[in-house]
């Protein structure tokens, strides 16, 4: 089984601004909204939703290419709910993460609704980000 390692590094700057480097040389800025003194980038929660939307799109292109399906486009809308009291330390009950995530996908292809659903089911099954979110991948955070 081939394994590919992905890496990310972040350096916190002033305020909430964090500069992240991924895949060696791609730079992303994570920040918080203007009311919290930021606004140079999206917050980490938003990046997680973008990761899901982008991954579904990329896997859709792979599946369509492999199966020679007439995919002309894909639009993905993702939304999530979160109880911010826990992450802000205002409550000790609940959890820090999203309590639900939903993605609505518009498949632009000359296919029946049933064919589109079967296609989307395979895309979702093969999407690494969807898998990480649903399977509860282990995460270890340790001092360097």
N, C-alpha and C. Protein backbone atom coordinates (compact mmCIF):
# COMPACT_ATOMS: atom_id res chain seq x y z
N UNK A 1 0.85 -1.19 0.00
CA UNK A 1 0.00 0.00 0.00
C UNK A 1 0.89 1.25 0.00
N UNK A 2 0.86 2.03 -1.09
CA UNK A 2 1.67 3.26 -1.11
C UNK A 2 1.11 4.29 -0.14
N UNK A 3 2.01 4.94 0.56
CA UNK A 3 1.62 5.97 1.52
C UNK A 3 2.32 7.27 1.13
N UNK A 4 1.55 8.32 1.05
CA UNK A 4 2.10 9.64 0.77
C UNK A 4 1.92 10.49 2.01
N UNK A 5 2.97 11.14 2.44
CA UNK A 5 2.90 11.98 3.64
C UNK A 5 2.65 13.43 3.24
N UNK A 6 1.69 14.06 3.89
CA UNK A 6 1.41 15.48 3.70
C UNK A 6 1.91 16.21 4.93
N UNK A 7 2.41 17.41 4.74
CA UNK A 7 2.92 18.18 5.88
C UNK A 7 2.37 19.60 5.83
N UNK A 8 2.29 20.19 6.98
CA UNK A 8 1.91 21.59 7.11
C UNK A 8 2.70 22.17 8.27
N UNK A 9 3.04 23.44 8.17
CA UNK A 9 3.75 24.13 9.24
C UNK A 9 3.11 25.49 9.40
N UNK A 10 2.92 25.90 10.64
CA UNK A 10 2.34 27.23 10.86
C UNK A 10 3.19 28.01 11.86
N UNK A 11 3.20 29.32 11.67
CA UNK A 11 3.90 30.23 12.57
C UNK A 11 2.91 31.34 12.94
N UNK A 12 2.64 31.45 14.24
CA UNK A 12 1.70 32.46 14.72
C UNK A 12 2.39 33.82 14.74
N UNK A 13 1.71 34.83 14.18
CA UNK A 13 2.23 36.18 14.19
C UNK A 13 1.50 37.01 15.24
N UNK A 14 1.34 38.29 14.97
CA UNK A 14 0.63 39.16 15.89
C UNK A 14 -0.86 38.88 15.85
N UNK A 15 -1.51 39.06 16.97
CA UNK A 15 -2.95 38.82 17.05
C UNK A 15 -3.26 37.36 16.77
N UNK A 16 -4.24 37.12 15.91
CA UNK A 16 -4.63 35.76 15.56
C UNK A 16 -4.04 35.31 14.22
N UNK A 17 -3.30 36.18 13.55
CA UNK A 17 -2.76 35.85 12.22
C UNK A 17 -1.75 34.73 12.33
N UNK A 18 -1.95 33.70 11.50
CA UNK A 18 -1.03 32.57 11.45
C UNK A 18 -0.70 32.30 9.99
N UNK A 19 0.60 32.24 9.69
CA UNK A 19 1.03 31.93 8.34
C UNK A 19 1.35 30.45 8.26
N UNK A 20 0.71 29.77 7.32
CA UNK A 20 0.87 28.33 7.19
C UNK A 20 1.53 28.01 5.85
N UNK A 21 2.44 27.06 5.89
CA UNK A 21 3.08 26.59 4.67
C UNK A 21 2.71 25.13 4.50
N UNK A 22 2.20 24.78 3.33
CA UNK A 22 1.80 23.40 3.04
C UNK A 22 2.46 22.95 1.75
N UNK A 23 2.67 21.66 1.65
CA UNK A 23 3.28 21.06 0.46
C UNK A 23 4.58 21.77 0.08
N UNK A 24 5.32 22.24 1.08
CA UNK A 24 6.62 22.84 0.84
C UNK A 24 6.62 24.33 0.57
N UNK A 25 5.73 24.81 -0.29
CA UNK A 25 5.85 26.22 -0.68
C UNK A 25 4.53 26.98 -0.87
N UNK A 26 3.40 26.35 -0.59
CA UNK A 26 2.13 27.08 -0.70
C UNK A 26 1.83 27.73 0.64
N UNK A 27 1.54 29.03 0.62
CA UNK A 27 1.31 29.78 1.85
C UNK A 27 -0.17 30.11 1.98
N UNK A 28 -0.73 29.81 3.14
CA UNK A 28 -2.11 30.15 3.48
C UNK A 28 -2.08 31.01 4.74
N UNK A 29 -2.95 31.97 4.81
CA UNK A 29 -3.07 32.81 6.00
C UNK A 29 -4.35 32.44 6.73
N UNK A 30 -4.21 32.13 7.99
CA UNK A 30 -5.36 31.86 8.86
C UNK A 30 -5.47 33.04 9.81
N UNK A 31 -6.67 33.52 10.01
CA UNK A 31 -6.89 34.66 10.89
C UNK A 31 -8.29 34.54 11.48
N UNK A 32 -8.71 35.54 12.15
CA UNK A 32 -10.05 35.62 12.71
C UNK A 32 -10.75 36.84 12.12
N UNK A 33 -12.05 36.94 12.26
CA UNK A 33 -12.77 38.08 11.68
C UNK A 33 -12.33 39.42 12.28
N UNK A 34 -12.67 40.50 11.59
CA UNK A 34 -12.30 41.85 12.00
C UNK A 34 -12.69 42.19 13.44
N UNK A 35 -13.89 41.79 13.91
CA UNK A 35 -14.23 42.13 15.30
C UNK A 35 -13.25 41.56 16.33
N UNK A 36 -12.49 40.54 15.95
CA UNK A 36 -11.50 39.95 16.86
C UNK A 36 -10.10 40.49 16.55
N UNK A 37 -9.99 41.48 15.67
CA UNK A 37 -8.71 42.09 15.37
C UNK A 37 -7.99 41.50 14.18
N UNK A 38 -8.69 40.71 13.39
CA UNK A 38 -8.03 40.06 12.25
C UNK A 38 -8.62 40.48 10.93
N UNK A 39 -8.77 39.56 10.03
CA UNK A 39 -9.40 39.69 8.72
C UNK A 39 -8.41 39.58 7.58
N UNK A 40 -7.24 38.97 7.81
CA UNK A 40 -6.30 38.75 6.71
C UNK A 40 -6.50 37.39 6.05
N UNK A 41 -7.33 36.55 6.63
CA UNK A 41 -7.59 35.24 6.06
C UNK A 41 -8.78 34.61 6.74
N UNK A 42 -9.19 33.48 6.21
CA UNK A 42 -10.30 32.74 6.81
C UNK A 42 -9.85 32.09 8.11
N UNK A 43 -10.81 31.72 8.96
CA UNK A 43 -10.44 31.03 10.20
C UNK A 43 -10.27 29.54 9.92
N UNK A 44 -9.67 28.80 10.85
CA UNK A 44 -9.41 27.37 10.60
C UNK A 44 -10.67 26.56 10.33
N UNK A 45 -11.77 26.91 10.95
CA UNK A 45 -13.01 26.18 10.71
C UNK A 45 -13.47 26.33 9.25
N UNK A 46 -13.33 27.53 8.73
CA UNK A 46 -13.70 27.77 7.33
C UNK A 46 -12.80 26.98 6.38
N UNK A 47 -11.51 26.89 6.71
CA UNK A 47 -10.60 26.11 5.88
C UNK A 47 -11.00 24.63 5.87
N UNK A 48 -11.52 24.13 6.98
CA UNK A 48 -11.95 22.74 7.00
C UNK A 48 -13.12 22.53 6.04
N UNK A 49 -14.05 23.47 6.01
CA UNK A 49 -15.18 23.36 5.09
C UNK A 49 -14.71 23.48 3.64
N UNK A 50 -13.78 24.37 3.38
CA UNK A 50 -13.22 24.53 2.03
C UNK A 50 -12.48 23.25 1.63
N UNK A 51 -11.79 22.64 2.58
CA UNK A 51 -11.08 21.39 2.28
C UNK A 51 -12.05 20.31 1.82
N UNK A 52 -13.19 20.21 2.48
CA UNK A 52 -14.19 19.22 2.08
C UNK A 52 -14.74 19.54 0.69
N UNK A 53 -15.12 20.78 0.46
CA UNK A 53 -15.66 21.17 -0.85
C UNK A 53 -14.64 20.94 -1.96
N UNK A 54 -13.42 21.34 -1.72
CA UNK A 54 -12.37 21.18 -2.73
C UNK A 54 -12.04 19.73 -3.00
N UNK A 55 -12.03 18.93 -1.95
CA UNK A 55 -11.73 17.51 -2.10
C UNK A 55 -12.83 16.80 -2.89
N UNK A 56 -14.08 17.10 -2.57
CA UNK A 56 -15.18 16.50 -3.32
C UNK A 56 -15.07 16.86 -4.81
N UNK A 57 -14.70 18.10 -5.10
CA UNK A 57 -14.54 18.53 -6.48
C UNK A 57 -13.40 17.78 -7.17
N UNK A 58 -12.27 17.66 -6.50
CA UNK A 58 -11.11 16.98 -7.09
C UNK A 58 -11.40 15.50 -7.33
N UNK A 59 -12.01 14.85 -6.35
CA UNK A 59 -12.32 13.42 -6.50
C UNK A 59 -13.39 13.23 -7.58
N UNK A 60 -14.33 14.16 -7.70
CA UNK A 60 -15.33 14.09 -8.76
C UNK A 60 -14.65 14.09 -10.13
N UNK A 61 -13.66 14.94 -10.29
CA UNK A 61 -12.95 15.00 -11.57
C UNK A 61 -12.22 13.68 -11.83
N UNK A 62 -11.61 13.11 -10.79
CA UNK A 62 -10.90 11.83 -10.94
C UNK A 62 -11.87 10.72 -11.33
N UNK A 63 -12.98 10.60 -10.60
CA UNK A 63 -13.96 9.55 -10.87
C UNK A 63 -14.55 9.71 -12.27
N UNK A 64 -14.91 10.93 -12.62
CA UNK A 64 -15.50 11.17 -13.95
C UNK A 64 -14.51 10.80 -15.05
N UNK A 65 -13.26 11.14 -14.86
CA UNK A 65 -12.24 10.82 -15.85
C UNK A 65 -12.05 9.31 -15.97
N UNK A 66 -11.96 8.63 -14.83
CA UNK A 66 -11.76 7.18 -14.84
C UNK A 66 -12.93 6.44 -15.48
N UNK A 67 -14.15 6.93 -15.23
CA UNK A 67 -15.34 6.25 -15.74
C UNK A 67 -15.85 6.86 -17.06
N UNK A 68 -15.09 7.85 -17.56
CA UNK A 68 -15.47 8.54 -18.81
C UNK A 68 -16.90 9.07 -18.75
N UNK A 69 -17.21 9.74 -17.64
CA UNK A 69 -18.53 10.33 -17.44
C UNK A 69 -18.55 11.76 -17.98
N UNK A 70 -19.70 12.24 -18.45
CA UNK A 70 -19.80 13.57 -19.07
C UNK A 70 -19.93 14.69 -18.03
N UNK A 71 -19.00 14.79 -17.11
CA UNK A 71 -19.06 15.83 -16.08
C UNK A 71 -18.57 17.15 -16.64
N UNK A 72 -19.45 18.15 -16.64
CA UNK A 72 -19.04 19.47 -17.14
C UNK A 72 -18.73 20.43 -15.99
N UNK A 73 -19.22 20.13 -14.80
CA UNK A 73 -18.94 20.99 -13.66
C UNK A 73 -19.53 20.43 -12.38
N UNK A 74 -19.17 21.06 -11.29
CA UNK A 74 -19.64 20.64 -9.97
C UNK A 74 -19.68 21.88 -9.09
N UNK A 75 -20.75 22.05 -8.35
CA UNK A 75 -20.82 23.13 -7.37
C UNK A 75 -21.10 22.50 -6.02
N UNK A 76 -20.28 22.83 -5.04
CA UNK A 76 -20.41 22.27 -3.70
C UNK A 76 -20.63 23.40 -2.70
N UNK A 77 -21.69 23.30 -1.92
CA UNK A 77 -21.95 24.25 -0.83
C UNK A 77 -21.88 23.47 0.47
N UNK A 78 -21.05 23.93 1.39
CA UNK A 78 -20.86 23.25 2.66
C UNK A 78 -21.23 24.20 3.80
N UNK A 79 -21.96 23.67 4.77
CA UNK A 79 -22.24 24.46 5.97
C UNK A 79 -22.11 23.55 7.18
N UNK A 80 -21.83 24.17 8.32
CA UNK A 80 -21.61 23.41 9.54
C UNK A 80 -22.12 24.19 10.74
N UNK A 81 -22.45 23.45 11.77
CA UNK A 81 -22.90 24.05 13.03
C UNK A 81 -21.86 23.77 14.11
N UNK A 82 -21.65 24.76 14.96
CA UNK A 82 -20.70 24.61 16.06
C UNK A 82 -21.20 25.39 17.26
N UNK A 83 -20.98 24.84 18.44
CA UNK A 83 -21.29 25.54 19.69
C UNK A 83 -19.99 26.20 20.14
N UNK A 84 -19.90 27.51 19.97
CA UNK A 84 -18.64 28.20 20.27
C UNK A 84 -18.35 28.36 21.75
N UNK A 85 -19.32 28.13 22.63
CA UNK A 85 -19.08 28.28 24.06
C UNK A 85 -17.94 27.38 24.55
N UNK A 86 -17.87 26.14 24.06
CA UNK A 86 -16.83 25.22 24.52
C UNK A 86 -15.45 25.69 24.08
N UNK A 87 -15.29 26.03 22.80
CA UNK A 87 -13.97 26.43 22.33
C UNK A 87 -13.52 27.76 22.93
N UNK A 88 -14.46 28.59 23.34
CA UNK A 88 -14.11 29.87 23.98
C UNK A 88 -13.92 29.73 25.49
N UNK A 89 -14.10 28.50 26.01
CA UNK A 89 -13.91 28.27 27.44
C UNK A 89 -15.05 28.75 28.30
N UNK A 90 -16.21 29.01 27.71
CA UNK A 90 -17.36 29.50 28.47
C UNK A 90 -18.24 28.35 28.95
N UNK A 91 -17.91 27.12 28.54
CA UNK A 91 -18.67 25.95 28.95
C UNK A 91 -17.71 24.76 29.00
N UNK A 92 -17.97 23.83 29.90
CA UNK A 92 -17.16 22.61 29.95
C UNK A 92 -17.92 21.41 29.41
N UNK A 93 -19.15 21.63 28.99
CA UNK A 93 -19.89 20.53 28.39
C UNK A 93 -19.99 20.73 26.89
N UNK A 94 -20.08 19.67 26.17
CA UNK A 94 -20.14 19.76 24.72
C UNK A 94 -18.81 19.35 24.12
N UNK A 95 -18.52 19.88 22.97
CA UNK A 95 -17.26 19.58 22.30
C UNK A 95 -16.82 20.79 21.48
N UNK A 96 -15.55 20.81 21.12
CA UNK A 96 -14.98 21.96 20.42
C UNK A 96 -15.29 21.96 18.93
N UNK A 97 -15.54 20.79 18.35
CA UNK A 97 -15.69 20.70 16.90
C UNK A 97 -17.10 20.91 16.41
N UNK A 98 -17.22 20.83 15.09
CA UNK A 98 -18.53 20.94 14.47
C UNK A 98 -19.45 19.84 14.99
N UNK A 99 -20.70 20.19 15.22
CA UNK A 99 -21.68 19.19 15.64
C UNK A 99 -22.35 18.56 14.43
N UNK A 100 -22.32 19.25 13.29
CA UNK A 100 -22.82 18.68 12.04
C UNK A 100 -22.21 19.43 10.87
N UNK A 101 -22.04 18.70 9.77
CA UNK A 101 -21.55 19.29 8.52
C UNK A 101 -22.44 18.74 7.42
N UNK A 102 -22.87 19.61 6.52
CA UNK A 102 -23.64 19.12 5.38
C UNK A 102 -23.09 19.75 4.10
N UNK A 103 -23.05 18.93 3.07
CA UNK A 103 -22.59 19.40 1.76
C UNK A 103 -23.70 19.13 0.75
N UNK A 104 -24.02 20.15 -0.01
CA UNK A 104 -24.98 20.00 -1.09
C UNK A 104 -24.18 20.13 -2.38
N UNK A 105 -24.35 19.13 -3.25
CA UNK A 105 -23.54 19.06 -4.46
C UNK A 105 -24.44 19.11 -5.69
N UNK A 106 -24.16 20.05 -6.57
CA UNK A 106 -24.85 20.13 -7.85
C UNK A 106 -23.94 19.53 -8.90
N UNK A 107 -24.34 18.39 -9.44
CA UNK A 107 -23.56 17.71 -10.48
C UNK A 107 -24.06 18.19 -11.83
N UNK A 108 -23.17 18.81 -12.58
CA UNK A 108 -23.51 19.33 -13.90
C UNK A 108 -23.03 18.31 -14.94
N UNK A 109 -23.96 17.47 -15.37
CA UNK A 109 -23.64 16.41 -16.32
C UNK A 109 -24.91 15.92 -16.98
N UNK A 110 -24.75 15.39 -18.16
CA UNK A 110 -25.89 14.82 -18.88
C UNK A 110 -26.10 13.39 -18.35
N UNK A 111 -26.68 13.32 -17.15
CA UNK A 111 -26.94 12.04 -16.49
C UNK A 111 -28.29 12.14 -15.79
N UNK A 112 -28.90 11.00 -15.54
CA UNK A 112 -30.15 10.99 -14.78
C UNK A 112 -29.86 11.31 -13.33
N UNK A 113 -30.90 11.62 -12.60
CA UNK A 113 -30.73 11.89 -11.16
C UNK A 113 -30.12 10.67 -10.46
N UNK A 114 -30.56 9.47 -10.82
CA UNK A 114 -30.04 8.24 -10.21
C UNK A 114 -28.56 8.06 -10.54
N UNK A 115 -28.17 8.34 -11.78
CA UNK A 115 -26.76 8.24 -12.17
C UNK A 115 -25.91 9.27 -11.41
N UNK A 116 -26.45 10.48 -11.27
CA UNK A 116 -25.73 11.51 -10.51
C UNK A 116 -25.57 11.09 -9.06
N UNK A 117 -26.61 10.50 -8.47
CA UNK A 117 -26.52 10.06 -7.07
C UNK A 117 -25.48 8.95 -6.92
N UNK A 118 -25.46 7.99 -7.82
CA UNK A 118 -24.48 6.90 -7.77
C UNK A 118 -23.07 7.47 -7.91
N UNK A 119 -22.91 8.43 -8.81
CA UNK A 119 -21.62 9.10 -9.00
C UNK A 119 -21.20 9.81 -7.72
N UNK A 120 -22.11 10.58 -7.13
CA UNK A 120 -21.80 11.32 -5.90
C UNK A 120 -21.49 10.36 -4.75
N UNK A 121 -22.19 9.25 -4.66
CA UNK A 121 -21.90 8.27 -3.61
C UNK A 121 -20.47 7.75 -3.72
N UNK A 122 -20.03 7.49 -4.94
CA UNK A 122 -18.65 7.03 -5.13
C UNK A 122 -17.65 8.13 -4.81
N UNK A 123 -17.94 9.34 -5.24
CA UNK A 123 -17.06 10.47 -4.94
C UNK A 123 -16.92 10.63 -3.43
N UNK A 124 -18.02 10.61 -2.71
CA UNK A 124 -17.99 10.76 -1.25
C UNK A 124 -17.21 9.62 -0.60
N UNK A 125 -17.41 8.41 -1.10
CA UNK A 125 -16.72 7.24 -0.53
C UNK A 125 -15.20 7.34 -0.72
N UNK A 126 -14.77 7.95 -1.82
CA UNK A 126 -13.35 8.04 -2.15
C UNK A 126 -12.69 9.35 -1.70
N UNK A 127 -13.47 10.27 -1.15
CA UNK A 127 -12.95 11.58 -0.73
C UNK A 127 -12.19 11.48 0.59
N UNK A 128 -10.88 11.74 0.61
CA UNK A 128 -10.11 11.64 1.84
C UNK A 128 -10.60 12.57 2.96
N UNK A 129 -11.01 13.78 2.62
CA UNK A 129 -11.47 14.70 3.66
C UNK A 129 -12.79 14.23 4.26
N UNK A 130 -13.69 13.78 3.43
CA UNK A 130 -14.95 13.23 3.93
C UNK A 130 -14.67 12.04 4.84
N UNK A 131 -13.72 11.19 4.43
CA UNK A 131 -13.35 10.03 5.25
C UNK A 131 -12.77 10.45 6.60
N UNK A 132 -11.88 11.41 6.59
CA UNK A 132 -11.28 11.89 7.84
C UNK A 132 -12.35 12.41 8.79
N UNK A 133 -13.29 13.16 8.26
CA UNK A 133 -14.34 13.74 9.09
C UNK A 133 -15.29 12.67 9.63
N UNK A 134 -15.60 11.67 8.83
CA UNK A 134 -16.57 10.65 9.25
C UNK A 134 -15.95 9.52 10.07
N UNK A 135 -14.69 9.20 9.82
CA UNK A 135 -14.08 8.03 10.46
C UNK A 135 -13.39 8.34 11.77
N UNK A 136 -13.23 9.60 12.11
CA UNK A 136 -12.58 9.93 13.37
C UNK A 136 -11.10 9.56 13.39
N UNK A 137 -10.35 10.02 12.39
CA UNK A 137 -8.92 9.78 12.30
C UNK A 137 -8.23 10.24 13.58
N UNK A 138 -7.29 9.42 14.08
CA UNK A 138 -6.60 9.78 15.32
C UNK A 138 -5.70 11.00 15.09
N UNK A 139 -5.66 11.84 16.09
CA UNK A 139 -4.83 13.05 16.05
C UNK A 139 -4.03 13.08 17.34
N UNK A 140 -2.71 13.28 17.22
CA UNK A 140 -1.84 13.41 18.40
C UNK A 140 -1.24 14.80 18.39
N UNK A 141 -1.36 15.52 19.48
CA UNK A 141 -0.75 16.84 19.62
C UNK A 141 0.25 16.73 20.76
N UNK A 142 1.52 17.04 20.47
CA UNK A 142 2.58 16.87 21.47
C UNK A 142 3.55 18.04 21.42
N UNK A 143 4.24 18.27 22.49
CA UNK A 143 5.29 19.29 22.52
C UNK A 143 6.43 18.89 21.59
N UNK A 144 7.01 19.87 20.91
CA UNK A 144 8.16 19.59 20.02
C UNK A 144 9.41 19.45 20.86
